[in-house]
Protein backbone atom coordinates (compact mmCIF):
# COMPACT_ATOMS: atom_id res chain seq x y z
CA MET A 1 -1.70 -7.27 -2.08
CA GLY A 2 0.95 -5.26 0.07
CA PHE A 3 0.07 -2.11 1.86
CA PHE A 4 1.72 0.08 -0.56
CA GLU A 5 -0.35 -1.52 -3.60
CA LYS A 6 -3.72 -1.29 -1.53
CA LEU A 7 -2.66 2.45 -0.74
CA LYS A 8 -1.88 3.19 -4.40
CA LYS A 9 -5.30 1.50 -5.46
CA GLY A 10 -7.19 3.22 -2.68
CA LEU A 11 -5.81 6.50 -3.45
CA SER A 12 -6.26 6.20 -7.10
CA LYS A 13 -8.91 9.02 -7.29
CA THR A 14 -6.99 11.50 -5.08
CA SER A 15 -3.84 10.79 -7.05
CA GLN A 16 -5.55 11.29 -10.47
CA ASN A 17 -6.83 14.65 -8.94
CA ILE A 18 -3.42 15.76 -7.75
CA SER A 19 -1.21 14.44 -10.49
CA SER A 20 -3.02 15.32 -13.29
CA ARG A 21 -2.83 19.08 -11.88
CA ILE A 22 1.00 18.65 -11.15
CA ASP A 23 1.88 16.98 -14.45
CA SER A 24 0.08 19.74 -16.47
CA VAL A 25 1.94 22.44 -14.54
CA LEU A 26 5.31 20.96 -14.91
CA ALA A 27 4.81 20.10 -18.63
CA ALA A 28 3.96 23.77 -19.36
CA PHE A 29 7.47 24.96 -18.17
CA GLY A 30 10.84 24.59 -19.62
CA LYS A 31 12.76 25.93 -16.44
CA ILE A 32 12.11 26.59 -12.75
CA ASP A 33 10.81 30.00 -12.21
CA GLU A 34 8.24 32.24 -10.16
CA ASP A 35 5.70 31.70 -12.49
CA LEU A 36 6.08 27.86 -12.06
CA PHE A 37 5.85 28.22 -8.18
CA GLU A 38 2.50 30.04 -8.71
CA GLU A 39 1.06 27.61 -10.99
CA LEU A 40 2.09 24.66 -8.67
CA GLU A 41 0.81 26.63 -5.64
CA GLU A 42 -2.43 26.87 -7.13
CA ALA A 43 -2.54 23.27 -8.27
CA LEU A 44 -1.84 21.92 -4.74
CA ILE A 45 -4.50 24.34 -3.17
CA THR A 46 -7.28 23.07 -5.49
CA ALA A 47 -6.28 19.29 -4.85
CA ASP A 48 -7.49 19.77 -1.00
CA ILE A 49 -4.09 20.31 0.36
CA GLY A 50 -4.95 23.54 1.95
CA VAL A 51 -3.40 27.19 1.88
CA ASP A 52 -0.87 27.11 4.81
CA THR A 53 0.31 23.48 3.91
CA THR A 54 0.80 24.34 0.32
CA LEU A 55 2.84 27.49 1.19
CA GLU A 56 5.13 25.45 3.22
CA ILE A 57 5.55 22.97 0.54
CA ILE A 58 6.36 25.47 -1.93
CA ASN A 59 8.65 27.45 0.58
CA ARG A 60 10.64 24.03 0.95
CA LEU A 61 10.78 23.53 -2.75
CA ARG A 62 12.20 26.92 -3.28
CA ALA A 63 14.91 26.21 -0.60
CA GLU A 64 15.87 23.03 -2.74
CA VAL A 65 16.03 25.08 -5.81
CA ARG A 66 18.27 27.59 -3.91
CA GLN A 67 20.52 25.04 -2.83
CA GLY A 68 20.83 23.64 -6.21
CA ARG A 69 19.38 20.24 -5.38
CA ILE A 70 16.72 20.89 -8.06
CA THR A 71 17.35 22.20 -11.42
CA LYS A 72 14.74 21.25 -13.86
CA PRO A 73 10.89 21.12 -13.60
CA GLU A 74 10.70 17.09 -14.14
CA GLU A 75 12.87 16.82 -10.75
CA ILE A 76 10.13 18.42 -8.73
CA ARG A 77 7.70 15.56 -8.67
CA ALA A 78 10.09 13.37 -7.06
CA GLN A 79 10.98 16.05 -4.51
CA LEU A 80 7.36 16.75 -3.61
CA VAL A 81 7.27 13.05 -2.51
CA GLU A 82 10.12 13.68 -0.26
CA ILE A 83 8.89 16.96 1.15
CA ILE A 84 5.37 15.64 1.77
CA GLY A 85 6.40 12.25 3.27
CA GLY A 86 8.79 14.03 5.51
CA MET A 87 6.14 16.46 6.61
CA MET A 88 3.56 13.48 7.34
CA GLU A 89 6.38 11.66 9.51
CA GLU A 90 7.87 14.73 11.21
CA ASP A 91 7.62 14.42 15.11
CA VAL A 92 5.48 11.40 14.72
CA HIS A 93 5.98 8.61 17.37
CA PRO A 94 4.26 5.14 17.37
CA LEU A 95 1.21 4.75 19.32
CA GLU A 96 1.79 3.95 22.92
CA LEU A 97 0.02 0.75 24.08
CA ASN A 98 2.57 -0.82 26.55
CA THR A 99 0.62 -0.93 29.80
CA ASN A 100 -1.82 -3.92 30.31
CA PRO A 101 -4.36 -3.07 29.81
CA SER A 102 -3.93 -0.03 27.34
CA VAL A 103 -6.92 2.20 26.08
CA ILE A 104 -7.88 3.09 22.63
CA LEU A 105 -10.74 5.73 22.73
CA MET A 106 -12.61 6.00 19.56
CA ILE A 107 -14.20 9.35 18.83
CA GLY A 108 -15.92 11.09 15.93
CA VAL A 109 -19.14 12.30 14.40
CA ASN A 110 -22.01 9.49 13.42
CA GLY A 111 -21.26 8.08 9.90
CA VAL A 112 -17.73 8.33 9.65
CA GLY A 113 -17.10 4.45 10.15
CA LYS A 114 -16.17 4.69 13.93
CA THR A 115 -17.59 1.20 14.87
CA THR A 116 -16.33 -0.51 11.78
CA THR A 117 -12.89 1.12 12.44
CA ALA A 118 -13.04 -0.14 15.82
CA ALA A 119 -13.57 -3.64 14.89
CA LYS A 120 -10.69 -3.56 12.26
CA LEU A 121 -8.49 -2.17 15.00
CA ALA A 122 -9.38 -4.90 17.04
CA LYS A 123 -8.37 -7.40 14.37
CA ILE A 124 -5.16 -5.99 13.98
CA TYR A 125 -4.16 -6.22 17.54
CA LYS A 126 -5.59 -9.63 18.17
CA ASP A 127 -3.58 -10.87 15.30
CA GLN A 128 -0.58 -9.38 17.27
CA GLY A 129 -1.52 -11.56 20.17
CA ARG A 130 -3.25 -9.28 22.14
CA LYS A 131 -6.44 -9.91 24.14
CA VAL A 132 -8.98 -7.20 23.42
CA ILE A 133 -12.31 -6.16 25.06
CA PHE A 134 -14.66 -3.77 23.49
CA GLY A 135 -16.60 -1.15 25.58
CA ALA A 136 -19.77 -0.16 23.75
CA ALA A 137 -20.06 3.36 25.11
CA ASP A 138 -22.10 4.61 22.25
CA THR A 139 -25.42 3.95 24.00
CA PHE A 140 -27.41 7.02 22.31
CA ARG A 141 -27.47 5.71 18.81
CA ALA A 142 -30.19 3.09 18.20
CA ALA A 143 -28.52 -0.43 17.69
CA ALA A 144 -24.85 0.95 18.10
CA ALA A 145 -24.10 -1.64 20.69
CA GLU A 146 -25.64 -4.53 18.87
CA GLN A 147 -23.57 -3.36 15.68
CA LEU A 148 -20.32 -3.42 17.90
CA ALA A 149 -21.45 -6.79 19.38
CA THR A 150 -21.83 -8.31 15.87
CA TRP A 151 -18.27 -7.27 15.03
CA ALA A 152 -17.02 -8.64 18.42
CA GLU A 153 -18.44 -11.99 17.49
CA ARG A 154 -17.02 -11.86 13.95
CA VAL A 155 -13.46 -10.75 15.25
CA GLY A 156 -13.52 -13.11 18.22
CA VAL A 157 -13.11 -10.52 21.19
CA ASP A 158 -15.20 -9.78 24.45
CA ILE A 159 -17.57 -7.08 24.62
CA ILE A 160 -18.93 -5.14 27.45
CA LYS A 161 -22.35 -3.36 26.61
CA SER A 162 -25.62 -1.87 28.11
CA GLN A 163 -29.22 -0.99 27.21
CA GLN A 164 -29.63 2.28 24.84
CA GLY A 165 -29.54 5.32 26.78
CA ALA A 166 -27.32 3.98 29.76
CA ASP A 167 -24.62 6.24 31.20
CA PRO A 168 -21.60 5.83 28.66
CA ALA A 169 -19.01 6.58 31.37
CA ALA A 170 -20.69 3.49 33.47
CA VAL A 171 -20.25 1.37 30.47
CA VAL A 172 -16.54 2.19 30.27
CA PHE A 173 -16.07 1.71 34.28
CA ASP A 174 -17.56 -1.89 33.65
CA THR A 175 -15.34 -2.45 30.67
CA ILE A 176 -12.47 -1.60 32.59
CA SER A 177 -13.41 -3.79 35.46
CA ALA A 178 -13.99 -6.59 33.10
CA ALA A 179 -10.61 -6.12 31.27
CA LYS A 180 -8.79 -6.33 34.68
CA ALA A 181 -10.64 -9.32 35.86
CA ARG A 182 -10.12 -11.13 32.34
CA GLY A 183 -6.62 -10.19 31.90
CA CYS A 184 -7.18 -8.05 28.84
CA ASP A 185 -4.17 -6.16 27.22
CA LEU A 186 -6.24 -3.72 25.22
CA ILE A 187 -9.52 -1.92 25.72
CA ILE A 188 -11.20 -0.36 22.62
CA CYS A 189 -14.11 2.11 23.44
CA ASP A 190 -16.60 3.16 20.90
CA THR A 191 -18.26 6.44 21.84
CA ALA A 192 -21.31 8.56 20.73
CA GLY A 193 -20.98 10.71 17.64
CA ARG A 194 -23.91 12.84 18.35
CA LEU A 195 -26.09 14.04 21.44
CA HIS A 196 -28.85 16.66 21.70
CA ASN A 197 -25.94 19.21 21.17
CA LYS A 198 -22.21 19.73 20.87
CA VAL A 199 -21.67 20.55 24.48
CA ASN A 200 -23.72 17.28 25.75
CA LEU A 201 -21.38 15.14 23.50
CA MET A 202 -18.12 16.94 24.61
CA ASN A 203 -19.38 16.57 28.44
CA GLU A 204 -19.67 12.74 27.95
CA LEU A 205 -16.34 12.37 26.43
CA ALA A 206 -15.09 14.18 29.44
CA LYS A 207 -16.65 12.06 31.67
CA ILE A 208 -15.31 9.04 30.03
CA GLN A 209 -11.93 10.18 30.13
CA LYS A 210 -12.38 11.01 33.86
CA VAL A 211 -13.23 7.25 34.57
CA ILE A 212 -10.22 6.05 32.59
CA THR A 213 -7.94 8.31 34.48
CA SER A 214 -9.41 7.54 37.83
CA GLN A 215 -9.69 3.42 37.26
CA LEU A 216 -6.29 3.19 35.04
CA PRO A 217 -4.24 6.19 36.15
CA ASP A 218 -0.97 4.75 34.70
CA ALA A 219 -2.51 3.11 31.43
CA ASP A 220 -1.24 4.15 28.01
CA THR A 221 -4.33 5.88 26.41
CA GLU A 222 -4.80 7.01 22.84
CA VAL A 223 -7.67 8.85 21.69
CA LEU A 224 -8.00 8.37 18.01
CA LEU A 225 -10.31 10.65 16.07
CA VAL A 226 -12.17 8.89 13.14
CA LEU A 227 -12.58 11.09 10.07
CA ASP A 228 -14.37 10.28 6.77
CA ALA A 229 -12.11 11.39 4.00
CA THR A 230 -14.84 11.72 1.44
CA THR A 231 -16.02 14.91 3.51
CA GLY A 232 -12.83 16.99 2.69
CA GLN A 233 -12.86 20.36 4.29
CA ASN A 234 -15.74 19.12 6.63
CA ALA A 235 -13.28 16.55 8.11
CA MET A 236 -10.90 19.31 8.90
CA ASN A 237 -13.77 21.36 10.69
CA GLN A 238 -14.67 18.21 12.77
CA ALA A 239 -10.98 17.47 13.73
CA ALA A 240 -10.95 21.31 14.94
CA GLU A 241 -14.03 20.92 17.02
CA PHE A 242 -12.84 17.90 19.01
CA LYS A 243 -9.26 19.25 19.20
CA LYS A 244 -10.91 22.15 21.13
CA VAL A 245 -12.04 19.59 23.86
CA THR A 246 -10.02 16.69 24.09
CA ALA A 247 -6.51 15.76 23.86
CA LEU A 248 -6.32 13.97 20.44
CA THR A 249 -3.38 11.55 19.68
CA GLY A 250 -4.03 10.66 16.20
CA VAL A 251 -6.56 10.24 13.40
CA ALA A 252 -8.01 7.12 11.55
CA LEU A 253 -8.90 8.26 8.24
CA THR A 254 -11.61 6.20 6.61
CA LYS A 255 -13.12 5.78 2.99
CA LEU A 256 -9.70 6.91 1.24
CA ASP A 257 -10.60 4.52 -1.54
CA GLY A 258 -13.70 6.54 -2.46
CA THR A 259 -12.79 10.05 -2.65
CA ALA A 260 -10.58 12.39 -4.80
CA LYS A 261 -10.11 14.45 -1.45
CA GLY A 262 -7.34 12.59 0.33
CA GLY A 263 -4.95 15.32 0.15
CA MET A 264 -6.82 16.53 3.29
CA ALA A 265 -4.64 14.20 5.03
CA ILE A 266 -1.73 16.62 4.60
CA PRO A 267 -3.10 19.70 6.15
CA LEU A 268 -4.37 17.34 9.06
CA LYS A 269 -0.97 16.79 10.15
CA VAL A 270 1.01 19.87 9.05
CA GLU A 271 -1.73 22.49 10.08
CA MET A 272 -3.48 20.50 12.91
CA GLY A 273 -0.53 18.50 14.40
CA LEU A 274 -2.78 15.55 14.09
CA PRO A 275 -0.83 12.41 12.85
CA ILE A 276 -2.58 10.03 10.71
CA ARG A 277 -2.23 6.56 12.53
CA PHE A 278 -4.42 4.48 10.26
CA VAL A 279 -5.97 4.71 6.85
CA GLY A 280 -9.02 2.76 5.51
CA VAL A 281 -8.65 1.88 1.80
CA GLY A 282 -11.55 -0.67 1.20
CA GLU A 283 -14.21 -2.68 2.91
CA GLN A 284 -12.48 -5.78 3.99
CA MET A 285 -11.31 -6.42 7.49
CA ASP A 286 -7.61 -5.98 6.44
CA ASP A 287 -8.00 -2.91 4.58
CA LEU A 288 -7.47 -0.56 7.62
CA GLN A 289 -3.68 -0.29 7.67
CA PRO A 290 -1.19 1.51 9.88
CA PHE A 291 -0.01 4.92 8.13
CA ASN A 292 3.30 5.50 6.58
CA GLY A 293 3.94 8.98 5.35
CA TYR A 294 6.35 8.43 2.66
CA GLU A 295 4.36 5.46 1.10
CA PHE A 296 1.39 7.90 1.08
CA ALA A 297 3.20 10.47 -0.93
CA LYS A 298 4.46 7.99 -3.27
CA ALA A 299 0.87 6.72 -3.78
CA LEU A 300 -0.33 10.43 -4.27
CA PHE A 301 2.24 10.94 -7.15
């Protein structure tokens, strides 16, 4: 099954949620007028696309109508695909992982699928011929390092870990040293999702990033925020909190196949400026896929 088919299948709940609303609006109007735009606006907002993003979509639709590129309500669906796909790809550049080693820092709250996503990422890059090493820097959650070690064995990559409660930044330091010694191309660091309070969590992330900067000053480093799509607006709140304290370079969106709230991916990019880098559309190892905005928009509609 190709990526689009997987995405279409994974987004079936979200697609049903959005498409049914859009279809009912378009079917109710014989011409494009302000009443149609108002109904369409309401349909998009209630489909988890967000107020600001919806207003931007509607404004772009209005421009298409003014310029005569849309004249009938039934043409709006195809134009929505083009508009949303374009918004999702706007100013998005490929991940920069060109140095040896490069670093991917995985962050996010507990329970979003960070460790599993790290494993699936490792498989993607290992299949591309890269030598990958894990840094088990989530030393606060019980059995987190063991869980990552199990994945490392399954995927066939190295791992550096320590005992529970160890200094996460020290684990990252040791991982970088091991990566240099073993000639690894890519370091993937799993981090804690929750400490005693938010301040402690953010302080630990700052220490980890300081170690990376000091030990690998010229390395390409990507900071991926892992979000659970099923949490809808709560995922947006998490993104806002993490964005305050660390320079995020993108989002890995998990569990899209289990939710009708996948529309929240759009305001993540449009309102928060966070490109969706990877999406999870199933439980299998190859069900984490690089994101394509136009295919996502097509699958939505």
